[in-house]
Protein backbone atom coordinates (compact mmCIF):
# COMPACT_ATOMS: atom_id res chain seq x y z
CA MET A 1 104.63 115.72 108.02
CA PRO A 2 104.76 112.08 109.26
CA ARG A 3 106.59 111.41 112.52
CA PRO A 4 110.14 110.12 111.86
CA VAL A 5 110.41 106.44 112.76
CA PRO A 6 113.49 105.58 114.85
CA PRO A 7 115.59 102.56 113.81
CA SER A 8 114.32 100.54 116.79
CA GLU A 9 110.72 100.87 115.51
CA PRO A 10 110.33 99.43 112.00
CA ALA A 11 107.70 101.30 109.99
CA GLY A 12 106.00 98.08 108.90
CA PRO A 13 106.51 94.59 107.49
CA THR A 14 108.55 95.79 104.52
CA GLU A 15 111.21 97.22 106.88
CA LYS A 16 111.55 94.25 109.22
CA SER A 17 114.48 91.85 109.17
CA ASN A 18 113.62 88.52 107.55
CA PRO A 19 114.56 85.65 109.90
CA ARG A 20 114.96 83.31 106.92
CA THR A 21 117.72 85.37 105.33
CA ARG A 22 119.87 86.55 108.23
CA ASP A 23 122.74 84.37 107.03
CA LEU A 24 122.59 85.76 103.48
CA ASP A 25 126.18 86.99 103.45
CA ARG A 26 127.50 83.53 104.39
CA LEU A 27 125.81 81.56 101.60
CA ASP A 28 127.52 80.35 98.46
CA THR A 29 126.08 81.52 95.15
CA ALA A 30 123.82 78.52 94.55
CA ALA A 31 122.33 78.70 98.05
CA LEU A 32 121.93 82.46 97.79
CA VAL A 33 120.01 82.22 94.51
CA GLU A 34 117.85 79.42 95.94
CA ARG A 35 116.97 81.49 99.02
CA ILE A 36 115.92 84.48 96.92
CA ALA A 37 113.83 82.24 94.65
CA ALA A 38 112.16 80.62 97.66
CA GLU A 39 111.08 84.02 98.99
CA ASP A 40 109.78 85.10 95.56
CA ALA A 41 107.73 81.90 95.28
CA ALA A 42 105.44 83.10 98.08
CA VAL A 43 104.44 86.27 96.22
CA SER A 44 101.86 84.63 93.95
CA ASP A 45 99.92 83.37 96.98
CA ALA A 46 99.89 86.88 98.47
CA VAL A 47 98.54 88.27 95.19
CA ARG A 48 95.94 85.50 94.92
CA ALA A 49 94.63 86.40 98.39
CA GLU A 50 93.80 89.88 97.03
CA LEU A 51 91.84 88.75 93.97
CA PRO A 52 88.50 90.09 95.27
CA ARG A 53 90.04 93.56 95.70
CA ILE A 54 91.80 93.31 92.32
CA THR A 55 88.45 92.40 90.75
CA GLU A 56 86.75 95.42 92.32
CA ALA A 57 89.57 97.72 91.19
CA CYS A 58 89.35 96.31 87.66
CA GLU A 59 85.62 96.98 87.47
CA ARG A 60 86.10 100.56 88.64
CA ILE A 61 88.89 101.16 86.13
CA CYS A 62 86.79 99.64 83.32
CA ALA A 63 83.90 101.94 84.21
CA ALA A 64 86.17 104.99 84.23
CA LEU A 65 87.79 104.22 80.87
CA ALA A 66 84.49 103.27 79.25
CA GLY A 67 83.11 106.61 80.41
CA GLY A 68 85.96 108.59 78.85
CA GLY A 69 88.03 108.94 82.01
CA ARG A 70 91.70 108.23 82.61
CA TRP A 71 93.68 105.68 84.60
CA ILE A 72 96.77 107.10 86.34
CA ASN A 73 99.42 105.00 88.11
CA LEU A 74 101.43 107.05 90.60
CA GLY A 75 104.34 106.22 92.87
CA ALA A 76 107.88 107.04 93.97
CA GLY A 77 111.10 105.15 93.33
CA THR A 78 110.67 101.49 92.38
CA SER A 79 106.88 101.66 92.76
CA GLY A 80 106.69 104.67 90.48
CA ARG A 81 108.86 103.01 87.83
CA ILE A 82 106.71 99.88 87.88
CA GLY A 83 103.58 102.01 87.45
CA VAL A 84 105.08 103.93 84.53
CA LEU A 85 106.26 100.69 82.90
CA ASP A 86 102.84 99.04 82.98
CA ALA A 87 101.06 102.15 81.71
CA ALA A 88 103.57 102.51 78.86
CA GLU A 89 102.77 99.00 77.62
CA ILE A 90 99.06 99.69 77.08
CA PRO A 91 99.13 101.74 73.83
CA PRO A 92 101.33 99.35 71.78
CA THR A 93 99.68 96.22 73.16
CA PHE A 94 96.03 97.23 73.18
CA GLY A 95 95.78 100.39 71.09
CA LEU A 96 94.45 102.67 73.82
CA PRO A 97 95.73 106.26 73.39
CA ALA A 98 98.67 107.11 75.66
CA ASP A 99 96.78 109.91 77.41
CA ARG A 100 94.12 107.47 78.68
CA VAL A 101 96.49 105.34 80.80
CA GLN A 102 99.45 107.18 82.31
CA GLY A 103 102.26 106.59 84.79
CA ARG A 104 103.45 109.43 87.01
CA ILE A 105 106.49 109.28 89.27
CA ALA A 106 107.80 111.49 92.07
CA GLY A 107 110.60 113.60 90.64
CA GLY A 108 109.36 113.38 87.05
CA GLU A 109 111.05 111.68 84.11
CA ALA A 110 114.54 112.05 85.62
CA ALA A 111 113.45 109.69 88.42
CA LEU A 112 112.88 106.88 85.93
CA ARG A 113 116.65 106.42 85.58
CA ALA A 114 118.11 107.72 88.83
CA ALA A 115 117.08 108.60 92.36
CA VAL A 116 115.80 112.16 92.84
CA GLU A 117 116.61 113.23 96.39
CA GLY A 118 113.60 114.21 98.47
CA ALA A 119 111.05 113.53 95.73
CA GLU A 120 109.08 110.97 97.73
CA ASP A 121 108.61 113.48 100.57
CA ASP A 122 107.40 116.36 98.38
CA HIS A 123 103.79 117.07 99.34
CA ASP A 124 103.47 120.09 97.07
CA ALA A 125 104.61 118.12 94.01
CA ALA A 126 102.12 115.38 94.85
CA ARG A 127 99.24 117.84 94.79
CA ARG A 128 100.47 119.40 91.54
CA ASP A 129 100.85 116.00 89.90
CA VAL A 130 97.16 115.15 90.39
CA ALA A 131 95.69 118.64 90.01
CA ASP A 132 94.36 117.81 86.53
CA LEU A 133 92.33 114.80 87.73
CA GLY A 134 88.65 114.86 88.49
CA PRO A 135 85.50 112.74 88.77
CA GLY A 136 85.56 110.02 86.14
CA ASP A 137 89.31 109.39 86.54
CA VAL A 138 91.00 106.65 88.59
CA LEU A 139 94.24 107.14 90.51
CA VAL A 140 96.20 104.02 91.47
CA GLY A 141 98.74 104.83 94.19
CA LEU A 142 101.66 102.42 94.53
CA SER A 143 103.78 102.17 97.67
CA ALA A 144 105.09 98.89 99.05
CA SER A 145 105.27 100.28 102.59
CA GLY A 146 102.05 102.25 102.22
CA ARG A 147 103.80 105.15 103.95
CA THR A 148 105.31 107.17 101.10
CA PRO A 149 104.31 110.83 101.71
CA TYR A 150 104.16 111.72 98.00
CA VAL A 151 101.67 108.92 97.26
CA ILE A 152 99.60 109.52 100.39
CA GLU A 153 99.27 113.24 99.67
CA ALA A 154 98.38 112.56 96.02
CA LEU A 155 95.60 110.15 97.01
CA ARG A 156 94.30 112.55 99.61
CA ALA A 157 94.14 115.40 97.10
CA ALA A 158 92.57 113.17 94.46
CA ARG A 159 89.84 111.99 96.81
CA GLN A 160 88.96 115.61 97.60
CA ALA A 161 88.53 116.16 93.85
CA GLY A 162 86.15 113.22 93.51
CA VAL A 163 88.64 110.87 91.86
CA THR A 164 88.26 107.11 92.41
CA THR A 165 91.33 105.87 94.28
CA VAL A 166 93.06 102.49 94.45
CA ALA A 167 96.03 101.64 96.67
CA ILE A 168 98.52 98.87 95.94
CA THR A 169 100.66 98.18 99.02
CA CYS A 170 102.25 95.37 101.01
CA ASP A 171 100.78 96.50 104.34
CA ALA A 172 97.03 96.39 104.93
CA GLY A 173 97.46 98.47 108.09
CA SER A 174 99.26 101.33 106.38
CA GLU A 175 97.98 104.89 106.00
CA LEU A 176 97.75 104.57 102.23
CA ALA A 177 95.63 101.43 102.45
CA GLY A 178 93.20 103.26 104.71
CA LEU A 179 92.83 106.21 102.33
CA ALA A 180 91.81 104.42 99.14
CA ASP A 181 88.37 103.45 97.85
CA VAL A 182 89.87 100.04 97.02
CA SER A 183 92.94 98.76 98.85
CA ILE A 184 94.98 95.88 97.39
CA SER A 185 97.42 94.80 100.09
CA THR A 186 99.70 91.92 99.16
CA GLU A 187 101.18 90.68 102.44
CA VAL A 188 104.53 89.39 101.18
CA GLY A 189 106.32 89.83 104.52
CA PRO A 190 109.85 91.13 105.09
CA GLU A 191 112.21 91.32 102.16
CA VAL A 192 115.27 89.15 101.50
CA ILE A 193 117.26 92.31 102.28
CA ALA A 194 115.39 94.38 104.86
CA GLY A 195 113.64 97.34 103.25
CA SER A 196 114.60 96.43 99.66
CA THR A 197 111.07 96.53 98.29
CA ARG A 198 112.29 96.33 94.69
CA MET A 199 112.28 92.57 95.45
CA LYS A 200 109.09 90.87 96.70
CA GLY A 201 107.23 94.16 97.04
CA GLY A 202 108.11 95.14 93.49
CA LEU A 203 107.23 91.71 92.16
CA ALA A 204 103.84 91.80 93.87
CA GLN A 205 103.06 95.27 92.53
CA LYS A 206 104.04 94.21 89.00
CA MET A 207 101.82 91.12 89.24
CA VAL A 208 98.85 93.16 90.48
CA LEU A 209 99.29 95.79 87.77
CA HIS A 210 99.65 93.41 84.86
CA THR A 211 96.58 91.52 86.10
CA LEU A 212 94.63 94.77 86.33
CA SER A 213 95.74 96.10 82.96
CA THR A 214 95.26 92.83 81.09
CA ALA A 215 91.84 92.12 82.61
CA THR A 216 90.72 95.70 82.00
CA MET A 217 91.73 95.64 78.35
CA VAL A 218 89.99 92.29 77.80
CA ARG A 219 86.81 93.62 79.40
CA LEU A 220 86.98 96.70 77.17
CA GLY A 221 87.03 94.53 74.05
CA LYS A 222 90.69 94.96 73.12
CA VAL A 223 91.16 91.17 72.88
CA ARG A 224 89.38 88.44 70.88
CA GLY A 225 89.91 85.01 72.38
CA ASN A 226 93.45 85.50 73.63
CA LEU A 227 94.66 87.63 70.71
CA MET A 228 95.52 91.31 71.11
CA THR A 229 93.33 92.75 68.37
CA GLY A 230 93.74 96.29 69.71
CA LEU A 231 97.35 96.54 68.64
CA CYS A 232 98.59 98.79 65.87
CA ALA A 233 101.48 97.41 63.78
CA VAL A 234 104.12 100.12 64.15
CA ASN A 235 107.25 97.97 63.72
CA ASP A 236 108.31 94.73 62.03
CA LYS A 237 107.68 92.55 65.09
CA LEU A 238 104.17 93.91 65.63
CA ARG A 239 103.42 93.74 61.92
CA GLY A 240 104.26 90.04 61.95
CA ARG A 241 102.09 89.51 65.00
CA ALA A 242 99.23 91.46 63.42
CA LEU A 243 99.35 89.31 60.29
CA HIS A 244 99.32 86.13 62.41
CA ILE A 245 96.28 87.40 64.33
CA LEU A 246 94.36 88.24 61.17
CA VAL A 247 95.15 84.88 59.54
CA GLU A 248 94.13 82.97 62.69
CA LEU A 249 90.90 84.89 63.27
CA CYS A 250 89.76 85.14 59.66
CA GLY A 251 91.16 82.01 58.04
CA CYS A 252 92.46 84.19 55.23
CA SER A 253 95.78 84.05 53.40
CA GLU A 254 98.73 86.11 54.58
CA ALA A 255 98.45 88.17 51.38
CA GLU A 256 94.82 89.00 52.15
CA ALA A 257 95.74 89.86 55.74
CA ARG A 258 98.58 92.09 54.56
CA ALA A 259 96.34 93.95 52.13
CA ALA A 260 93.69 94.54 54.82
CA LEU A 261 96.31 95.67 57.33
CA ASP A 262 97.86 98.10 54.85
CA ALA A 263 94.46 99.55 53.98
CA ALA A 264 93.72 99.95 57.71
CA GLY A 265 96.94 101.84 58.43
CA GLY A 266 98.30 99.02 60.60
CA SER A 267 95.25 98.75 62.89
CA VAL A 268 94.21 95.15 63.50
CA GLU A 269 90.72 96.17 64.64
CA ALA A 270 90.18 98.20 61.48
CA ALA A 271 91.61 95.41 59.33
CA LEU A 272 89.16 92.95 60.85
CA THR A 273 86.25 94.98 59.51
CA ARG A 274 87.59 94.30 56.01
CA LEU A 275 87.81 90.54 56.55
CA THR A 276 85.45 87.83 57.84
CA PRO A 277 86.43 86.42 61.24
CA THR A 278 86.04 82.62 61.33
CA GLY A 279 88.59 81.44 63.88
CA PRO A 280 88.71 81.31 67.72
CA GLY A 281 87.41 84.40 69.48
CA ARG A 282 85.19 85.44 66.53
């Protein structure tokens, strides 16, 4: 078990008090909102500094998925919810089966809506939650502090099983960062409210994940030009988008696009084989 950190010894940058926000409780609403926005504005630069590591992680994830492996996001609390959210967007957006990209969170599904006491410290659960992974899979561990026991134990167990590991943290010197094959450490500094990593830490993790997932799906051929041709039209909104994509790519009429989409069971990729792409991204 990790050594408890006394209050006088902050665990890392995410726990420190931000000198720019020590007067937070004395600001009026406009000034308060401005201060939060000013802190958030620095996050994109921290993410940009990690682009080489994000690129390496993307290439490893592409190789795993192309080889039939899986991509698993794993975390606790806010980090876990962000990982589940990004994974859940892949099937409807890009058409990849839900079992190929998954989000796992300490405490299970109940933790998506409410805190589960002690879940982030459960070493046994961490090992169980990655016991099905093996060579060919990729585990992305998310922890803003880089010190969450559940995520650290999961990455340690996964590495022993030959799984490729990626860490997404806000502390390059953390234990988690040192464990992973690829470490993406967005140095966003102390939070607006000390320790509230749902703020800049959460924003940085979301930015890294949506960059990883989008770039990976493009590299795997799920996009033509900038159109999401991997989607399957399962509701009215997506059906409208699918028709627009087919008309733009193929220069066909909406009626022709609708007929092709119906014959393809709502799959844009399958519908494209029935039409002749002529537009951008062909």
